[in-house]
N, C-alpha and C. Protein backbone atom coordinates (compact mmCIF):
# COMPACT_ATOMS: atom_id res chain seq x y z
N MET A 1 -13.41 2.15 12.90
CA MET A 1 -11.90 1.89 12.99
C MET A 1 -11.23 2.07 11.64
N ILE A 2 -9.40 2.47 11.14
CA ILE A 2 -9.31 2.65 10.52
C ILE A 2 -8.84 1.61 9.81
N GLY A 3 -8.48 0.94 9.29
CA GLY A 3 -8.40 -0.25 8.54
C GLY A 3 -8.07 -0.37 6.57
N PHE A 4 -7.58 -1.40 5.67
CA PHE A 4 -8.14 -1.33 4.57
C PHE A 4 -8.72 -1.61 3.77
N GLY A 5 -9.80 -0.56 3.08
CA GLY A 5 -11.11 -1.43 2.96
C GLY A 5 -12.08 -1.20 3.45
N LYS A 6 -12.03 0.16 4.36
CA LYS A 6 -12.93 0.91 5.30
C LYS A 6 -13.27 2.11 4.34
N ASP A 7 -14.31 2.82 5.03
CA ASP A 7 -14.60 4.18 5.18
C ASP A 7 -13.60 5.35 5.38
N ASN A 8 -13.22 5.12 6.66
CA ASN A 8 -11.94 5.35 7.10
C ASN A 8 -12.77 6.99 7.73
N LYS A 9 -13.37 7.54 7.93
CA LYS A 9 -14.63 8.83 7.73
C LYS A 9 -13.33 9.38 9.18
N GLU A 10 -12.77 8.88 9.70
CA GLU A 10 -11.77 9.84 11.62
C GLU A 10 -11.07 10.37 10.80
N LEU A 11 -10.79 9.84 9.00
CA LEU A 11 -9.19 10.56 8.56
C LEU A 11 -9.43 12.00 8.42
N GLY A 12 -10.62 12.11 8.01
CA GLY A 12 -11.45 13.86 7.12
C GLY A 12 -11.67 13.19 6.45
N ARG A 13 -11.57 14.28 4.93
CA ARG A 13 -12.17 14.65 4.26
C ARG A 13 -11.42 15.02 3.06
N ILE A 14 -9.78 15.56 3.42
CA ILE A 14 -9.12 15.37 2.96
C ILE A 14 -7.99 14.17 3.10
N ALA A 15 -7.31 13.83 1.94
CA ALA A 15 -5.93 12.79 1.99
C ALA A 15 -5.32 13.55 2.66
N PRO A 16 -4.92 11.98 3.66
CA PRO A 16 -3.69 12.34 4.15
C PRO A 16 -2.05 12.83 3.89
N ALA A 17 -1.62 13.61 5.09
CA ALA A 17 -0.05 14.32 4.00
C ALA A 17 1.03 12.72 4.49
N LEU A 18 1.44 12.37 3.65
CA LEU A 18 2.25 11.17 3.25
C LEU A 18 3.68 11.94 4.90
N ILE A 19 3.84 10.66 5.69
CA ILE A 19 5.21 11.76 6.76
C ILE A 19 6.55 11.29 6.48
N SER A 20 6.97 9.48 6.41
CA SER A 20 7.98 8.77 5.70
C SER A 20 7.27 7.59 5.23
N PHE A 21 7.70 6.92 4.62
CA PHE A 21 7.99 5.61 3.74
C PHE A 21 9.32 5.00 3.22
N GLU A 22 9.23 3.86 4.41
CA GLU A 22 10.99 3.60 4.66
C GLU A 22 10.70 2.14 4.24
N GLU A 23 11.94 1.76 3.56
CA GLU A 23 12.08 -0.55 3.63
C GLU A 23 13.06 -0.26 5.02
N VAL A 24 12.60 -0.75 5.86
CA VAL A 24 12.69 -1.79 7.23
C VAL A 24 13.93 -2.35 6.63
N LYS A 25 14.87 -2.18 7.83
CA LYS A 25 16.45 -3.09 7.81
C LYS A 25 16.60 -3.73 8.41
N ASN A 26 16.98 -5.42 8.49
CA ASN A 26 17.44 -6.22 9.61
C ASN A 26 18.66 -5.85 10.67
N GLU A 27 18.67 -6.58 11.52
CA GLU A 27 19.59 -6.18 12.10
C GLU A 27 21.16 -5.92 11.42
N GLU A 28 21.45 -6.49 9.78
CA GLU A 28 22.56 -6.57 9.71
C GLU A 28 22.96 -5.39 9.12
N GLY A 29 21.48 -4.74 8.69
CA GLY A 29 21.21 -2.72 7.92
C GLY A 29 20.51 -3.20 6.83
N PHE A 30 20.51 -4.37 6.12
CA PHE A 30 20.34 -4.98 4.65
C PHE A 30 18.34 -4.76 5.52
N ALA A 31 17.94 -3.52 3.61
CA ALA A 31 16.97 -3.88 3.62
C ALA A 31 15.57 -6.02 3.78
N ASP A 32 15.00 -5.42 4.16
CA ASP A 32 14.25 -6.43 4.85
C ASP A 32 12.75 -7.12 4.50
N ASN A 33 12.82 -6.53 3.33
CA ASN A 33 11.51 -6.81 2.31
C ASN A 33 10.07 -6.43 2.70
N ALA A 34 9.99 -5.29 3.86
CA ALA A 34 9.15 -5.12 4.43
C ALA A 34 9.36 -3.34 5.00
N LEU A 35 7.88 -2.92 4.52
CA LEU A 35 7.93 -1.60 4.46
C LEU A 35 7.03 -0.44 6.01
N LEU A 36 7.54 0.63 5.84
CA LEU A 36 6.91 0.73 6.95
C LEU A 36 6.67 2.24 5.84
N ILE A 37 5.16 2.82 6.90
CA ILE A 37 4.50 4.01 6.35
C ILE A 37 4.01 5.29 6.52
N GLN A 38 4.38 6.16 6.97
CA GLN A 38 3.66 7.10 8.40
C GLN A 38 3.21 8.15 7.10
N PHE A 39 1.71 8.70 8.08
CA PHE A 39 1.42 9.29 7.23
C PHE A 39 0.25 10.13 8.89
N MET A 40 -0.27 11.62 8.29
CA MET A 40 -1.18 11.77 9.40
C MET A 40 -2.19 13.14 9.44
N SER A 41 -3.68 12.41 9.26
CA SER A 41 -4.35 12.88 8.29
C SER A 41 -5.12 14.74 8.88
N GLU A 42 -5.72 15.33 8.67
CA GLU A 42 -6.31 16.09 8.66
C GLU A 42 -7.05 16.53 10.60
N THR A 43 -7.36 15.20 10.93
CA THR A 43 -7.84 15.37 11.91
C THR A 43 -6.54 15.18 12.99
N GLY A 44 -5.77 14.91 12.99
CA GLY A 44 -4.68 14.93 13.46
C GLY A 44 -4.43 13.60 13.99
N ILE A 45 -4.99 12.75 13.92
CA ILE A 45 -4.29 11.01 13.74
C ILE A 45 -3.15 10.70 12.83
N LYS A 46 -1.89 10.58 13.98
CA LYS A 46 -1.01 9.89 12.95
C LYS A 46 -1.33 8.00 12.66
N ILE A 47 -0.51 7.63 11.55
CA ILE A 47 -1.33 6.29 11.47
C ILE A 47 0.23 5.80 11.43
N GLN A 48 0.29 4.21 10.93
CA GLN A 48 1.26 4.24 10.43
C GLN A 48 1.43 2.03 10.27
N VAL A 49 2.42 2.09 9.07
CA VAL A 49 1.32 1.16 8.08
C VAL A 49 2.61 0.56 7.84
N GLU A 50 2.24 -0.79 8.22
CA GLU A 50 4.02 -1.77 7.57
C GLU A 50 2.70 -3.27 7.16
N PHE A 51 3.79 -3.29 5.77
CA PHE A 51 3.88 -4.28 5.21
C PHE A 51 5.45 -4.98 5.17
N SER A 52 5.00 -6.55 6.44
CA SER A 52 6.01 -7.60 7.06
C SER A 52 6.45 -7.82 5.49
N ASP A 53 5.79 -8.78 4.20
CA ASP A 53 6.87 -9.06 3.17
C ASP A 53 5.88 -8.40 1.64
N TYR A 54 6.47 -7.95 1.25
CA TYR A 54 5.93 -7.34 0.33
C TYR A 54 6.50 -7.35 -0.81
N ILE A 55 6.09 -7.73 -2.52
CA ILE A 55 6.43 -8.45 -3.55
C ILE A 55 7.23 -6.91 -4.29
N MET A 56 6.25 -6.10 -5.02
CA MET A 56 6.48 -5.07 -5.37
C MET A 56 5.70 -4.25 -5.08
N HIS A 57 6.14 -2.63 -4.99
CA HIS A 57 5.41 -1.71 -4.24
C HIS A 57 5.90 -1.12 -5.02
N MET A 58 5.21 0.80 -5.72
CA MET A 58 5.13 1.52 -6.84
C MET A 58 5.22 2.96 -6.22
N THR A 59 5.44 3.77 -5.96
CA THR A 59 5.38 5.13 -5.20
C THR A 59 5.25 6.49 -6.23
N ARG A 60 4.48 6.74 -6.30
CA ARG A 60 4.53 8.44 -8.12
C ARG A 60 3.46 9.64 -7.37
N PRO A 61 3.51 10.79 -7.82
CA PRO A 61 2.50 11.94 -7.00
C PRO A 61 1.55 11.87 -7.55
N GLU A 62 0.35 12.12 -7.43
CA GLU A 62 -0.98 11.80 -7.52
C GLU A 62 -1.47 12.33 -8.81
N GLY A 63 -0.41 13.25 -9.92
CA GLY A 63 -0.50 13.97 -10.91
C GLY A 63 -0.75 13.24 -11.95
N PHE A 64 -0.47 11.80 -11.31
CA PHE A 64 0.41 11.17 -12.32
C PHE A 64 0.06 9.70 -11.80
N CYS A 65 -1.03 9.85 -12.17
CA CYS A 65 -1.28 8.61 -11.09
C CYS A 65 -3.52 8.36 -12.45
N VAL A 66 -3.51 7.17 -12.97
CA VAL A 66 -4.66 7.40 -13.76
C VAL A 66 -5.61 6.34 -12.48
N ILE A 67 -6.60 6.84 -12.70
CA ILE A 67 -7.98 6.22 -12.28
C ILE A 67 -8.08 5.45 -13.23
N ASP A 68 -8.67 4.62 -13.25
CA ASP A 68 -9.23 2.91 -14.06
C ASP A 68 -11.05 2.46 -13.67
N ASP A 69 -11.39 3.40 -14.25
CA ASP A 69 -12.80 2.71 -13.79
C ASP A 69 -12.80 0.90 -13.93
N SER A 70 -12.43 0.53 -14.18
CA SER A 70 -12.47 -1.70 -14.20
C SER A 70 -11.78 -1.55 -13.08
N GLU A 71 -11.18 -1.37 -12.54
CA GLU A 71 -10.08 -1.55 -11.28
C GLU A 71 -11.40 -1.84 -10.27
N ILE A 72 -11.38 -2.84 -9.32
CA ILE A 72 -12.63 -2.42 -8.18
C ILE A 72 -11.74 -2.47 -7.16
N ARG A 73 -12.41 -1.73 -6.26
CA ARG A 73 -11.25 -1.05 -5.22
C ARG A 73 -12.09 -0.78 -3.71
N GLU A 74 -12.18 -1.01 -2.73
CA GLU A 74 -12.76 -1.01 -1.62
C GLU A 74 -11.56 0.23 -0.66
N GLY A 75 -12.96 0.47 0.02
CA GLY A 75 -11.46 1.76 0.73
C GLY A 75 -11.44 2.68 0.92
N ARG A 76 -10.90 3.65 1.76
CA ARG A 76 -11.18 5.33 1.58
C ARG A 76 -9.34 5.59 2.40
N TYR A 77 -8.47 6.66 1.38
CA TYR A 77 -7.19 6.81 2.21
C TYR A 77 -6.39 4.82 1.79
N LEU A 78 -7.51 4.27 2.55
CA LEU A 78 -5.74 2.87 2.85
C LEU A 78 -7.27 1.33 2.31
N ILE A 79 -7.05 1.53 0.13
CA ILE A 79 -7.27 0.88 -0.28
C ILE A 79 -6.70 -0.45 -0.09
N ILE A 80 -7.74 -1.53 -0.25
CA ILE A 80 -7.23 -3.34 -1.72
C ILE A 80 -8.55 -3.00 -2.56
N PHE A 81 -7.70 -4.17 -3.53
CA PHE A 81 -7.95 -4.05 -5.05
C PHE A 81 -8.52 -5.37 -5.10
N LYS A 82 -9.34 -5.76 -5.40
CA LYS A 82 -10.17 -6.80 -6.24
C LYS A 82 -10.13 -7.42 -7.21
N GLN A 83 -9.35 -6.04 -8.33
CA GLN A 83 -9.24 -5.79 -9.66
C GLN A 83 -8.58 -4.67 -9.41
N SER A 84 -7.19 -4.88 -10.50
CA SER A 84 -6.14 -4.05 -11.16
C SER A 84 -5.46 -4.01 -11.61
N GLU A 85 -4.40 -2.95 -12.56
CA GLU A 85 -4.17 -3.15 -14.16
C GLU A 85 -2.97 -3.77 -12.72
N PHE A 86 -2.32 -2.89 -12.16
CA PHE A 86 -0.77 -3.19 -11.36
C PHE A 86 -0.80 -4.95 -10.92
N MET A 87 -1.85 -5.19 -10.23
CA MET A 87 -1.79 -6.41 -10.56
C MET A 87 -1.68 -8.07 -11.42
N LYS A 88 -1.95 -7.65 -12.54
CA LYS A 88 -2.63 -7.44 -14.58
C LYS A 88 -0.75 -7.38 -14.88
N SER A 89 -0.22 -6.49 -14.36
CA SER A 89 1.35 -6.33 -14.90
C SER A 89 2.48 -6.82 -14.33
N TYR A 90 2.40 -7.52 -12.71
CA TYR A 90 2.45 -7.98 -11.82
C TYR A 90 3.69 -9.29 -12.56
N ASP A 91 2.84 -9.77 -13.14
CA ASP A 91 4.03 -10.69 -14.32
C ASP A 91 4.21 -10.39 -14.58
N ALA A 92 4.20 -9.84 -15.00
CA ALA A 92 6.17 -9.25 -16.23
C ALA A 92 7.02 -8.86 -15.57
N PHE A 93 7.00 -9.05 -14.06
CA PHE A 93 8.34 -7.79 -13.78
C PHE A 93 8.52 -8.70 -12.74
N ILE A 94 7.90 -10.60 -12.13
CA ILE A 94 8.38 -11.04 -11.42
C ILE A 94 8.87 -12.26 -11.83
N ALA A 95 10.35 -12.88 -10.72
CA ALA A 95 10.88 -14.52 -11.68
C ALA A 95 9.68 -14.82 -10.11
N HIS A 96 9.56 -16.18 -11.76
CA HIS A 96 8.57 -17.30 -10.65
C HIS A 96 9.66 -18.65 -9.83
N THR A 97 9.16 -18.53 -9.35
CA THR A 97 10.23 -19.87 -8.36
C THR A 97 8.87 -20.88 -8.06
N ALA A 98 9.32 -22.48 -7.84
CA ALA A 98 8.11 -23.33 -7.75
C ALA A 98 8.11 -22.43 -5.69
N TYR A 99 8.53 -21.59 -5.04
CA TYR A 99 7.85 -20.98 -3.75
C TYR A 99 6.89 -19.62 -4.29
N HIS A 100 7.13 -19.47 -5.75
CA HIS A 100 7.07 -18.10 -5.29
C HIS A 100 6.06 -18.11 -7.29
N SER A 101 4.41 -19.08 -6.90
CA SER A 101 4.15 -18.66 -8.27
C SER A 101 2.79 -18.21 -8.34
N TRP A 102 2.32 -17.11 -10.03
CA TRP A 102 1.71 -16.20 -10.19
C TRP A 102 0.62 -17.04 -10.48
N PRO A 103 -0.31 -17.12 -10.61
CA PRO A 103 -0.98 -16.26 -9.67
C PRO A 103 -1.60 -16.54 -9.33
N GLY A 104 -2.28 -15.90 -8.51
CA GLY A 104 -2.79 -16.02 -6.73
C GLY A 104 -1.96 -15.63 -5.43
N LEU A 105 -0.55 -15.54 -5.86
CA LEU A 105 -0.10 -15.46 -4.72
C LEU A 105 -0.32 -13.68 -4.48
N GLY A 106 -0.22 -13.57 -3.59
CA GLY A 106 -0.57 -11.64 -2.88
C GLY A 106 -1.99 -11.28 -2.98
N THR A 107 -2.03 -9.74 -2.78
CA THR A 107 -2.61 -8.61 -2.63
C THR A 107 -2.67 -7.57 -3.26
N HIS A 108 -3.30 -6.64 -3.71
CA HIS A 108 -2.71 -5.23 -3.92
C HIS A 108 -3.47 -4.18 -2.91
N TYR A 109 -1.97 -3.96 -2.36
CA TYR A 109 -2.90 -2.20 -1.44
C TYR A 109 -2.89 -0.81 -2.00
N GLY A 110 -3.26 0.17 -1.62
CA GLY A 110 -3.03 1.29 -1.89
C GLY A 110 -3.47 1.72 -0.87
N VAL A 111 -2.14 2.72 -0.74
CA VAL A 111 -2.54 4.22 0.48
C VAL A 111 -2.05 5.69 -0.42
N TYR A 112 -3.09 5.92 0.07
CA TYR A 112 -3.40 7.49 -1.19
C TYR A 112 -3.42 8.22 0.09
N THR A 113 -2.32 9.19 -0.38
CA THR A 113 -1.78 10.11 1.11
C THR A 113 -1.94 11.58 -0.37
N ASP A 114 -1.75 12.62 0.12
CA ASP A 114 -2.29 14.17 -0.56
C ASP A 114 -0.48 14.20 -0.78
N TYR A 115 -0.70 13.90 -2.37
CA TYR A 115 0.85 13.85 -3.38
C TYR A 115 1.26 13.20 -3.74
N HIS A 116 0.98 12.00 -3.24
CA HIS A 116 1.32 10.49 -3.64
C HIS A 116 0.27 8.92 -3.23
N VAL A 117 0.40 8.89 -4.08
CA VAL A 117 0.12 7.59 -4.15
C VAL A 117 1.28 6.42 -4.19
N ILE A 118 0.76 4.52 -3.22
CA ILE A 118 1.87 4.22 -3.05
C ILE A 118 0.92 3.31 -3.01
N ASP A 119 1.08 1.93 -4.58
CA ASP A 119 1.16 1.18 -4.70
C ASP A 119 1.76 -0.55 -4.41
N ILE A 120 1.08 -1.32 -3.23
CA ILE A 120 2.16 -2.44 -2.46
C ILE A 120 1.59 -4.12 -3.00
N ILE A 121 1.57 -4.74 -3.37
CA ILE A 121 1.42 -5.89 -3.20
C ILE A 121 1.62 -6.84 -2.39
N SER A 122 1.65 -7.52 -1.33
CA SER A 122 2.02 -8.15 -0.25
C SER A 122 1.38 -9.68 -0.05
N THR A 123 2.25 -10.67 0.34
CA THR A 123 1.57 -11.38 0.50
C THR A 123 1.47 -11.90 1.74
N LYS A 124 0.95 -10.58 2.33
CA LYS A 124 0.63 -10.45 3.93
C LYS A 124 -0.03 -9.41 4.59
N GLU A 125 -1.31 -9.91 5.25
CA GLU A 125 -1.88 -8.30 5.21
C GLU A 125 -1.34 -7.54 6.29
N PRO A 126 -1.58 -6.29 6.01
CA PRO A 126 -0.75 -4.96 6.46
C PRO A 126 -0.80 -4.56 7.87
N LYS A 127 0.04 -4.00 8.66
CA LYS A 127 -0.29 -3.79 10.49
C LYS A 127 -0.50 -2.57 10.17
N VAL A 128 -1.50 -2.11 10.69
CA VAL A 128 -2.51 -0.41 11.07
C VAL A 128 -2.21 -0.10 12.40
N THR A 129 -1.34 1.19 13.18
CA THR A 129 -0.96 1.09 14.20
C THR A 129 -1.61 2.13 14.52
N ILE A 130 -2.79 3.48 15.29
CA ILE A 130 -2.34 4.55 15.62
C ILE A 130 -1.50 5.12 16.68
N LEU A 131 -0.63 5.33 16.13
CA LEU A 131 0.32 6.42 17.14
C LEU A 131 -0.01 7.67 18.08
């Protein structure tokens, strides 16, 4: 079964190719604090990942990505972080309110594709769909 924090052997040995990454829009056409990511594996499996309520995201080419050995992560291509520098730096970029207090709000997820690394902090577990 394909999912975050799993070995995802079904996707093959090469990182999947990113097809699309977009902000989901509501009925009025405005960004709705949701992300939709699609990618294709070397084995031909097309995957869609939906984050219905994200706090923050960052996308960069894999060549600009630094792997930090102090981070604790689980999974292959669809990563769940138990400890990360992104989560530690999160506090400096987000306004705090009574509703959105930190620490403890959100989980750091990673979507690793061929040429792109996408980091997302979300308050809800993402939905993974095979298309």
